[in-house]
PDB file of N, CA and C in Angstrom:
ATOM      1  N   MET A   1      48.073-132.070 -69.374  1.00  0.00           N
ATOM      2  CA  MET A   1      47.979-132.810 -70.638  1.00  0.00           C
ATOM      3  C   MET A   1      48.423-131.800 -71.741  1.00  0.00           C
ATOM      4  N   SER A   2      49.081-132.378 -72.665  1.00  0.00           N
ATOM      5  CA  SER A   2      49.523-131.548 -73.912  1.00  0.00           C
ATOM      6  C   SER A   2      48.980-132.399 -75.088  1.00  0.00           C
ATOM      7  N   TYR A   3      48.701-131.536 -76.039  1.00  0.00           N
ATOM      8  CA  TYR A   3      48.070-132.131 -77.410  1.00  0.00           C
ATOM      9  C   TYR A   3      49.259-132.068 -78.462  1.00  0.00           C
ATOM     10  N   GLU A   4      49.177-133.037 -79.280  1.00  0.00           N
ATOM     11  CA  GLU A   4      50.007-133.066 -80.483  1.00  0.00           C
ATOM     12  C   GLU A   4      49.298-132.291 -81.567  1.00  0.00           C
ATOM     13  N   VAL A   5      49.938-131.218 -82.160  1.00  0.00           N
ATOM     14  CA  VAL A   5      49.519-130.577 -83.253  1.00  0.00           C
ATOM     15  C   VAL A   5      50.025-130.971 -84.517  1.00  0.00           C
ATOM     16  N   ARG A   6      49.190-131.591 -85.526  1.00  0.00           N
ATOM     17  CA  ARG A   6      49.682-132.087 -86.582  1.00  0.00           C
ATOM     18  C   ARG A   6      49.062-131.401 -87.920  1.00  0.00           C
ATOM     19  N   TYR A   7      49.717-131.458 -89.016  1.00  0.00           N
ATOM     20  CA  TYR A   7      49.317-130.850 -90.233  1.00  0.00           C
ATOM     21  C   TYR A   7      49.212-131.886 -91.378  1.00  0.00           C
ATOM     22  N   PRO A   8      47.943-132.373 -91.790  1.00  0.00           N
ATOM     23  CA  PRO A   8      47.948-133.137 -92.973  1.00  0.00           C
ATOM     24  C   PRO A   8      48.395-132.475 -94.208  1.00  0.00           C
ATOM     25  N   THR A   9      48.672-132.978 -95.233  1.00  0.00           N
ATOM     26  CA  THR A   9      49.290-132.445 -96.515  1.00  0.00           C
ATOM     27  C   THR A   9      48.775-131.201 -96.763  1.00  0.00           C
ATOM     28  N   ARG A  10      47.450-130.875 -97.015  1.00  0.00           N
ATOM     29  CA  ARG A  10      46.855-129.488 -97.530  1.00  0.00           C
ATOM     30  C   ARG A  10      47.310-128.497 -96.546  1.00  0.00           C
ATOM     31  N   ALA A  11      47.090-128.708 -95.097  1.00  0.00           N
ATOM     32  CA  ALA A  11      47.323-127.656 -94.185  1.00  0.00           C
ATOM     33  C   ALA A  11      48.727-127.325 -94.137  1.00  0.00           C
ATOM     34  N   ALA A  12      49.606-128.405 -94.322  1.00  0.00           N
ATOM     35  CA  ALA A  12      51.153-128.254 -94.373  1.00  0.00           C
ATOM     36  C   ALA A  12      51.563-127.347 -95.526  1.00  0.00           C
ATOM     37  N   GLU A  13      51.010-127.625 -96.603  1.00  0.00           N
ATOM     38  CA  GLU A  13      51.235-126.814 -97.727  1.00  0.00           C
ATOM     39  C   GLU A  13      50.948-125.285 -97.601  1.00  0.00           C
ATOM     40  N   GLN A  14      49.685-125.211 -96.937  1.00  0.00           N
ATOM     41  CA  GLN A  14      49.290-123.749 -96.572  1.00  0.00           C
ATOM     42  C   GLN A  14      50.270-123.113 -95.645  1.00  0.00           C
ATOM     43  N   LYS A  15      50.595-123.713 -94.675  1.00  0.00           N
ATOM     44  CA  LYS A  15      51.565-123.396 -93.692  1.00  0.00           C
ATOM     45  C   LYS A  15      52.761-122.850 -94.234  1.00  0.00           C
ATOM     46  N   GLU A  16      53.293-123.576 -95.312  1.00  0.00           N
ATOM     47  CA  GLU A  16      54.554-123.208 -95.811  1.00  0.00           C
ATOM     48  C   GLU A  16      54.459-121.869 -96.811  1.00  0.00           C
ATOM     49  N   THR A  17      53.189-121.595 -97.059  1.00  0.00           N
ATOM     50  CA  THR A  17      53.189-120.282 -97.953  1.00  0.00           C
ATOM     51  C   THR A  17      52.943-119.107 -97.186  1.00  0.00           C
ATOM     52  N   LEU A  18      52.903-119.151 -95.813  1.00  0.00           N
ATOM     53  CA  LEU A  18      52.688-118.025 -94.891  1.00  0.00           C
ATOM     54  C   LEU A  18      53.833-117.164 -94.915  1.00  0.00           C
ATOM     55  N   PRO A  19      53.639-115.863 -94.877  1.00  0.00           N
ATOM     56  CA  PRO A  19      54.888-114.911 -94.775  1.00  0.00           C
ATOM     57  C   PRO A  19      55.412-115.164 -93.432  1.00  0.00           C
ATOM     58  N   PRO A  20      56.709-114.589 -93.252  1.00  0.00           N
ATOM     59  CA  PRO A  20      57.236-114.737 -91.899  1.00  0.00           C
ATOM     60  C   PRO A  20      56.388-114.238 -90.724  1.00  0.00           C
ATOM     61  N   GLU A  21      55.671-113.274 -90.786  1.00  0.00           N
ATOM     62  CA  GLU A  21      54.758-112.597 -89.858  1.00  0.00           C
ATOM     63  C   GLU A  21      53.789-113.804 -89.415  1.00  0.00           C
ATOM     64  N   GLY A  22      53.211-114.292 -90.611  1.00  0.00           N
ATOM     65  CA  GLY A  22      52.235-115.399 -90.340  1.00  0.00           C
ATOM     66  C   GLY A  22      52.743-116.747 -89.693  1.00  0.00           C
ATOM     67  N   GLN A  23      53.935-116.954 -90.100  1.00  0.00           N
ATOM     68  CA  GLN A  23      54.636-118.231 -89.562  1.00  0.00           C
ATOM     69  C   GLN A  23      54.801-117.966 -87.980  1.00  0.00           C
ATOM     70  N   GLN A  24      55.395-116.905 -87.654  1.00  0.00           N
ATOM     71  CA  GLN A  24      55.558-116.578 -86.232  1.00  0.00           C
ATOM     72  C   GLN A  24      54.201-116.510 -85.468  1.00  0.00           C
ATOM     73  N   ALA A  25      53.267-116.002 -86.008  1.00  0.00           N
ATOM     74  CA  ALA A  25      51.847-115.913 -85.330  1.00  0.00           C
ATOM     75  C   ALA A  25      51.200-117.394 -85.141  1.00  0.00           C
ATOM     76  N   LEU A  26      51.459-118.158 -86.298  1.00  0.00           N
ATOM     77  CA  LEU A  26      50.985-119.402 -86.198  1.00  0.00           C
ATOM     78  C   LEU A  26      51.701-120.362 -85.157  1.00  0.00           C
ATOM     79  N   ALA A  27      52.829-120.073 -84.980  1.00  0.00           N
ATOM     80  CA  ALA A  27      53.723-120.756 -83.939  1.00  0.00           C
ATOM     81  C   ALA A  27      53.221-120.367 -82.608  1.00  0.00           C
ATOM     82  N   GLY A  28      52.764-119.210 -82.324  1.00  0.00           N
ATOM     83  CA  GLY A  28      52.134-118.885 -81.100  1.00  0.00           C
ATOM     84  C   GLY A  28      50.732-119.630 -80.947  1.00  0.00           C
ATOM     85  N   LEU A  29      49.997-119.764 -81.984  1.00  0.00           N
ATOM     86  CA  LEU A  29      48.766-120.462 -81.955  1.00  0.00           C
ATOM     87  C   LEU A  29      49.017-121.908 -81.590  1.00  0.00           C
ATOM     88  N   GLU A  30      50.016-122.622 -82.306  1.00  0.00           N
ATOM     89  CA  GLU A  30      50.275-123.916 -81.948  1.00  0.00           C
ATOM     90  C   GLU A  30      50.668-124.134 -80.421  1.00  0.00           C
ATOM     91  N   LYS A  31      51.318-123.229 -79.797  1.00  0.00           N
ATOM     92  CA  LYS A  31      51.511-123.352 -78.407  1.00  0.00           C
ATOM     93  C   LYS A  31      50.277-123.481 -77.627  1.00  0.00           C
ATOM     94  N   LYS A  32      49.325-122.453 -77.972  1.00  0.00           N
ATOM     95  CA  LYS A  32      48.012-122.467 -77.179  1.00  0.00           C
ATOM     96  C   LYS A  32      47.306-123.777 -77.571  1.00  0.00           C
ATOM     97  N   LEU A  33      47.210-124.115 -78.784  1.00  0.00           N
ATOM     98  CA  LEU A  33      46.540-125.482 -79.113  1.00  0.00           C
ATOM     99  C   LEU A  33      47.124-126.669 -78.363  1.00  0.00           C
ATOM    100  N   GLY A  34      48.349-126.704 -78.253  1.00  0.00           N
ATOM    101  CA  GLY A  34      49.128-127.731 -77.507  1.00  0.00           C
ATOM    102  C   GLY A  34      48.765-127.878 -76.088  1.00  0.00           C
ATOM    103  N   ASN A  35      48.581-126.768 -75.488  1.00  0.00           N
ATOM    104  CA  ASN A  35      48.179-126.723 -74.063  1.00  0.00           C
ATOM    105  C   ASN A  35      46.707-126.809 -73.904  1.00  0.00           C
ATOM    106  N   ASP A  36      45.803-126.196 -74.534  1.00  0.00           N
ATOM    107  CA  ASP A  36      44.382-126.172 -74.406  1.00  0.00           C
ATOM    108  C   ASP A  36      43.627-125.845 -75.571  1.00  0.00           C
ATOM    109  N   PRO A  37      43.455-126.782 -76.500  1.00  0.00           N
ATOM    110  CA  PRO A  37      42.803-126.484 -77.744  1.00  0.00           C
ATOM    111  C   PRO A  37      41.285-126.049 -77.576  1.00  0.00           C
ATOM    112  N   TRP A  38      40.625-126.467 -76.512  1.00  0.00           N
ATOM    113  CA  TRP A  38      39.280-126.169 -76.287  1.00  0.00           C
ATOM    114  C   TRP A  38      39.168-124.632 -75.920  1.00  0.00           C
ATOM    115  N   ASN A  39      40.130-123.991 -75.454  1.00  0.00           N
ATOM    116  CA  ASN A  39      40.068-122.478 -75.192  1.00  0.00           C
ATOM    117  C   ASN A  39      40.848-121.557 -76.152  1.00  0.00           C
ATOM    118  N   ALA A  40      41.484-122.221 -77.078  1.00  0.00           N
ATOM    119  CA  ALA A  40      42.260-121.413 -78.022  1.00  0.00           C
ATOM    120  C   ALA A  40      41.544-120.910 -79.025  1.00  0.00           C
ATOM    121  N   GLY A  41      40.328-121.561 -79.393  1.00  0.00           N
ATOM    122  CA  GLY A  41      39.506-121.033 -80.582  1.00  0.00           C
ATOM    123  C   GLY A  41      38.017-120.966 -80.145  1.00  0.00           C
ATOM    124  N   ARG A  42      37.231-121.162 -81.171  1.00  0.00           N
ATOM    125  CA  ARG A  42      35.692-121.104 -81.007  1.00  0.00           C
ATOM    126  C   ARG A  42      35.247-122.346 -81.877  1.00  0.00           C
ATOM    127  N   ALA A  43      34.170-122.854 -81.398  1.00  0.00           N
ATOM    128  CA  ALA A  43      33.627-123.946 -82.218  1.00  0.00           C
ATOM    129  C   ALA A  43      32.939-123.500 -83.357  1.00  0.00           C
ATOM    130  N   ASP A  44      33.031-124.050 -84.454  1.00  0.00           N
ATOM    131  CA  ASP A  44      32.425-123.654 -85.733  1.00  0.00           C
ATOM    132  C   ASP A  44      31.157-124.508 -85.846  1.00  0.00           C
ATOM    133  N   LYS A  45      30.099-123.956 -85.528  1.00  0.00           N
ATOM    134  CA  LYS A  45      28.857-124.571 -85.424  1.00  0.00           C
ATOM    135  C   LYS A  45      28.377-125.385 -86.594  1.00  0.00           C
ATOM    136  N   GLY A  46      27.916-126.619 -86.410  1.00  0.00           N
ATOM    137  CA  GLY A  46      27.508-127.495 -87.325  1.00  0.00           C
ATOM    138  C   GLY A  46      28.580-128.137 -88.213  1.00  0.00           C
ATOM    139  N   SER A  47      29.898-127.882 -87.903  1.00  0.00           N
ATOM    140  CA  SER A  47      30.823-128.492 -88.738  1.00  0.00           C
ATOM    141  C   SER A  47      31.667-129.481 -87.904  1.00  0.00           C
ATOM    142  N   GLY A  48      31.560-129.501 -86.720  1.00  0.00           N
ATOM    143  CA  GLY A  48      32.336-130.393 -85.797  1.00  0.00           C
ATOM    144  C   GLY A  48      33.832-129.872 -85.793  1.00  0.00           C
ATOM    145  N   SER A  49      34.173-128.739 -86.263  1.00  0.00           N
ATOM    146  CA  SER A  49      35.433-128.309 -86.191  1.00  0.00           C
ATOM    147  C   SER A  49      35.678-127.006 -85.367  1.00  0.00           C
ATOM    148  N   TRP A  50      36.786-126.660 -85.240  1.00  0.00           N
ATOM    149  CA  TRP A  50      36.969-125.236 -84.460  1.00  0.00           C
ATOM    150  C   TRP A  50      37.770-124.301 -85.334  1.00  0.00           C
ATOM    151  N   ARG A  51      37.652-122.984 -84.943  1.00  0.00           N
ATOM    152  CA  ARG A  51      38.370-121.971 -85.649  1.00  0.00           C
ATOM    153  C   ARG A  51      39.223-121.093 -84.601  1.00  0.00           C
ATOM    154  N   ALA A  52      40.465-120.587 -85.072  1.00  0.00           N
ATOM    155  CA  ALA A  52      41.245-119.742 -84.220  1.00  0.00           C
ATOM    156  C   ALA A  52      41.820-118.689 -85.121  1.00  0.00           C
ATOM    157  N   GLY A  53      41.881-117.574 -84.682  1.00  0.00           N
ATOM    158  CA  GLY A  53      42.597-116.511 -85.520  1.00  0.00           C
ATOM    159  C   GLY A  53      44.073-116.476 -84.975  1.00  0.00           C
ATOM    160  N   PHE A  54      44.973-115.989 -85.784  1.00  0.00           N
ATOM    161  CA  PHE A  54      46.316-115.935 -85.380  1.00  0.00           C
ATOM    162  C   PHE A  54      46.937-114.608 -86.060  1.00  0.00           C
ATOM    163  N   GLY A  55      47.734-113.815 -85.389  1.00  0.00           N
ATOM    164  CA  GLY A  55      48.297-112.718 -86.000  1.00  0.00           C
ATOM    165  C   GLY A  55      47.150-111.725 -86.559  1.00  0.00           C
ATOM    166  N   ARG A  56      47.510-110.801 -87.322  1.00  0.00           N
ATOM    167  CA  ARG A  56      46.603-109.828 -87.871  1.00  0.00           C
ATOM    168  C   ARG A  56      45.581-110.326 -88.893  1.00  0.00           C
ATOM    169  N   PHE A  57      46.000-111.256 -89.613  1.00  0.00           N
ATOM    170  CA  PHE A  57      45.342-111.708 -90.845  1.00  0.00           C
ATOM    171  C   PHE A  57      45.094-113.274 -91.002  1.00  0.00           C
ATOM    172  N   GLY A  58      45.498-114.051 -89.874  1.00  0.00           N
ATOM    173  CA  GLY A  58      45.413-115.500 -90.004  1.00  0.00           C
ATOM    174  C   GLY A  58      44.194-116.077 -89.464  1.00  0.00           C
ATOM    175  N   ASP A  59      43.757-117.293 -90.059  1.00  0.00           N
ATOM    176  CA  ASP A  59      42.627-117.974 -89.516  1.00  0.00           C
ATOM    177  C   ASP A  59      42.955-119.575 -89.825  1.00  0.00           C
ATOM    178  N   ALA A  60      42.641-120.328 -88.646  1.00  0.00           N
ATOM    179  CA  ALA A  60      42.992-121.694 -88.801  1.00  0.00           C
ATOM    180  C   ALA A  60      41.719-122.575 -88.317  1.00  0.00           C
ATOM    181  N   GLN A  61      41.530-123.538 -89.007  1.00  0.00           N
ATOM    182  CA  GLN A  61      40.400-124.547 -88.813  1.00  0.00           C
ATOM    183  C   GLN A  61      41.026-125.838 -88.396  1.00  0.00           C
ATOM    184  N   TYR A  62      40.455-126.361 -87.407  1.00  0.00           N
ATOM    185  CA  TYR A  62      41.081-127.638 -86.901  1.00  0.00           C
ATOM    186  C   TYR A  62      40.021-128.514 -86.120  1.00  0.00           C
ATOM    187  N   VAL A  63      40.291-129.684 -86.014  1.00  0.00           N
ATOM    188  CA  VAL A  63      39.522-130.667 -85.152  1.00  0.00           C
ATOM    189  C   VAL A  63      40.474-131.222 -83.932  1.00  0.00           C
ATOM    190  N   ILE A  64      39.710-131.473 -82.873  1.00  0.00           N
ATOM    191  CA  ILE A  64      40.325-132.024 -81.756  1.00  0.00           C
ATOM    192  C   ILE A  64      39.967-133.548 -81.536  1.00  0.00           C
ATOM    193  N   GLY A  65      40.851-134.389 -81.416  1.00  0.00           N
ATOM    194  CA  GLY A  65      40.707-135.646 -81.302  1.00  0.00           C
ATOM    195  C   GLY A  65      41.266-136.178 -79.952  1.00  0.00           C
ATOM    196  N   GLU A  66      40.526-137.017 -79.198  1.00  0.00           N
ATOM    197  CA  GLU A  66      41.032-137.553 -77.740  1.00  0.00           C
ATOM    198  C   GLU A  66      40.957-139.126 -77.713  1.00  0.00           C
ATOM    199  N   ARG A  67      40.942-139.744 -78.778  1.00  0.00           N
ATOM    200  CA  ARG A  67      40.668-141.322 -78.764  1.00  0.00           C
ATOM    201  C   ARG A  67      42.025-141.831 -78.170  1.00  0.00           C
ATOM    202  N   ASP A  68      42.906-142.263 -79.108  1.00  0.00           N
ATOM    203  CA  ASP A  68      44.142-142.926 -78.560  1.00  0.00           C
ATOM    204  C   ASP A  68      45.094-141.988 -78.145  1.00  0.00           C
ATOM    205  N   VAL A  69      45.344-140.931 -79.037  1.00  0.00           N
ATOM    206  CA  VAL A  69      46.380-139.897 -78.794  1.00  0.00           C
ATOM    207  C   VAL A  69      45.546-138.510 -78.756  1.00  0.00           C
ATOM    208  N   VAL A  70      45.843-137.678 -77.817  1.00  0.00           N
ATOM    209  CA  VAL A  70      45.226-136.364 -77.832  1.00  0.00           C
ATOM    210  C   VAL A  70      45.986-135.495 -78.759  1.00  0.00           C
ATOM    211  N   ARG A  71      45.071-135.049 -79.904  1.00  0.00           N
ATOM    212  CA  ARG A  71      45.846-134.442 -81.028  1.00  0.00           C
ATOM    213  C   ARG A  71      44.922-133.392 -81.504  1.00  0.00           C
ATOM    214  N   VAL A  72      45.412-132.316 -82.041  1.00  0.00           N
ATOM    215  CA  VAL A  72      44.814-131.331 -82.845  1.00  0.00           C
ATOM    216  C   VAL A  72      45.196-131.440 -84.212  1.00  0.00           C
ATOM    217  N   THR A  73      44.342-131.622 -85.117  1.00  0.00           N
ATOM    218  CA  THR A  73      44.548-131.800 -86.697  1.00  0.00           C
ATOM    219  C   THR A  73      44.202-130.411 -87.396  1.00  0.00           C
ATOM    220  N   MET A  74      45.143-129.667 -87.875  1.00  0.00           N
ATOM    221  CA  MET A  74      44.740-128.476 -88.502  1.00  0.00           C
ATOM    222  C   MET A  74      44.327-128.883 -89.959  1.00  0.00           C
ATOM    223  N   LEU A  75      43.028-128.172 -90.383  1.00  0.00           N
ATOM    224  CA  LEU A  75      42.527-128.583 -91.516  1.00  0.00           C
ATOM    225  C   LEU A  75      42.854-127.501 -92.512  1.00  0.00           C
ATOM    226  N   PHE A  76      42.675-126.249 -92.261  1.00  0.00           N
ATOM    227  CA  PHE A  76      42.942-125.230 -93.276  1.00  0.00           C
ATOM    228  C   PHE A  76      43.611-123.970 -92.562  1.00  0.00           C
ATOM    229  N   ILE A  77      44.682-123.333 -93.249  1.00  0.00           N
ATOM    230  CA  ILE A  77      45.355-122.319 -92.882  1.00  0.00           C
ATOM    231  C   ILE A  77      45.239-121.174 -93.764  1.00  0.00           C
ATOM    232  N   THR A  78      44.754-120.030 -93.406  1.00  0.00           N
ATOM    233  CA  THR A  78      44.469-118.901 -94.288  1.00  0.00           C
ATOM    234  C   THR A  78      45.215-117.673 -93.872  1.00  0.00           C
ATOM    235  N   TRP A  79      45.877-116.947 -94.642  1.00  0.00           N
ATOM    236  CA  TRP A  79      46.363-115.592 -94.408  1.00  0.00           C
ATOM    237  C   TRP A  79      45.862-114.588 -95.322  1.00  0.00           C
ATOM    238  N   VAL A  80      45.358-113.592 -95.014  1.00  0.00           N
ATOM    239  CA  VAL A  80      44.592-112.704 -95.836  1.00  0.00           C
ATOM    240  C   VAL A  80      45.255-111.278 -95.906  1.00  0.00           C
ATOM    241  N   GLY A  81      46.463-111.150 -95.427  1.00  0.00           N
ATOM    242  CA  GLY A  81      47.187-109.987 -95.546  1.00  0.00           C
ATOM    243  C   GLY A  81      48.077-109.793 -96.666  1.00  0.00           C
TER     244      GLY A  81
END
């Protein structure tokens, strides 16, 4: 089963501001999330969301939905480098 990774407006805007290194690292995370989002990151206790690092400075927060379409929705993208 593969998951669709989608970016609502805020996360899409954050993605666009990443440096090339961050864009490349995030693309690698997207592949992992598309294959198995449950093992690509860790549960963010109490929030119902998940977090995963990417590259040296990246952090992504996302939710996993499995109702009608299996989907990973990115909430926030951060690059601290």
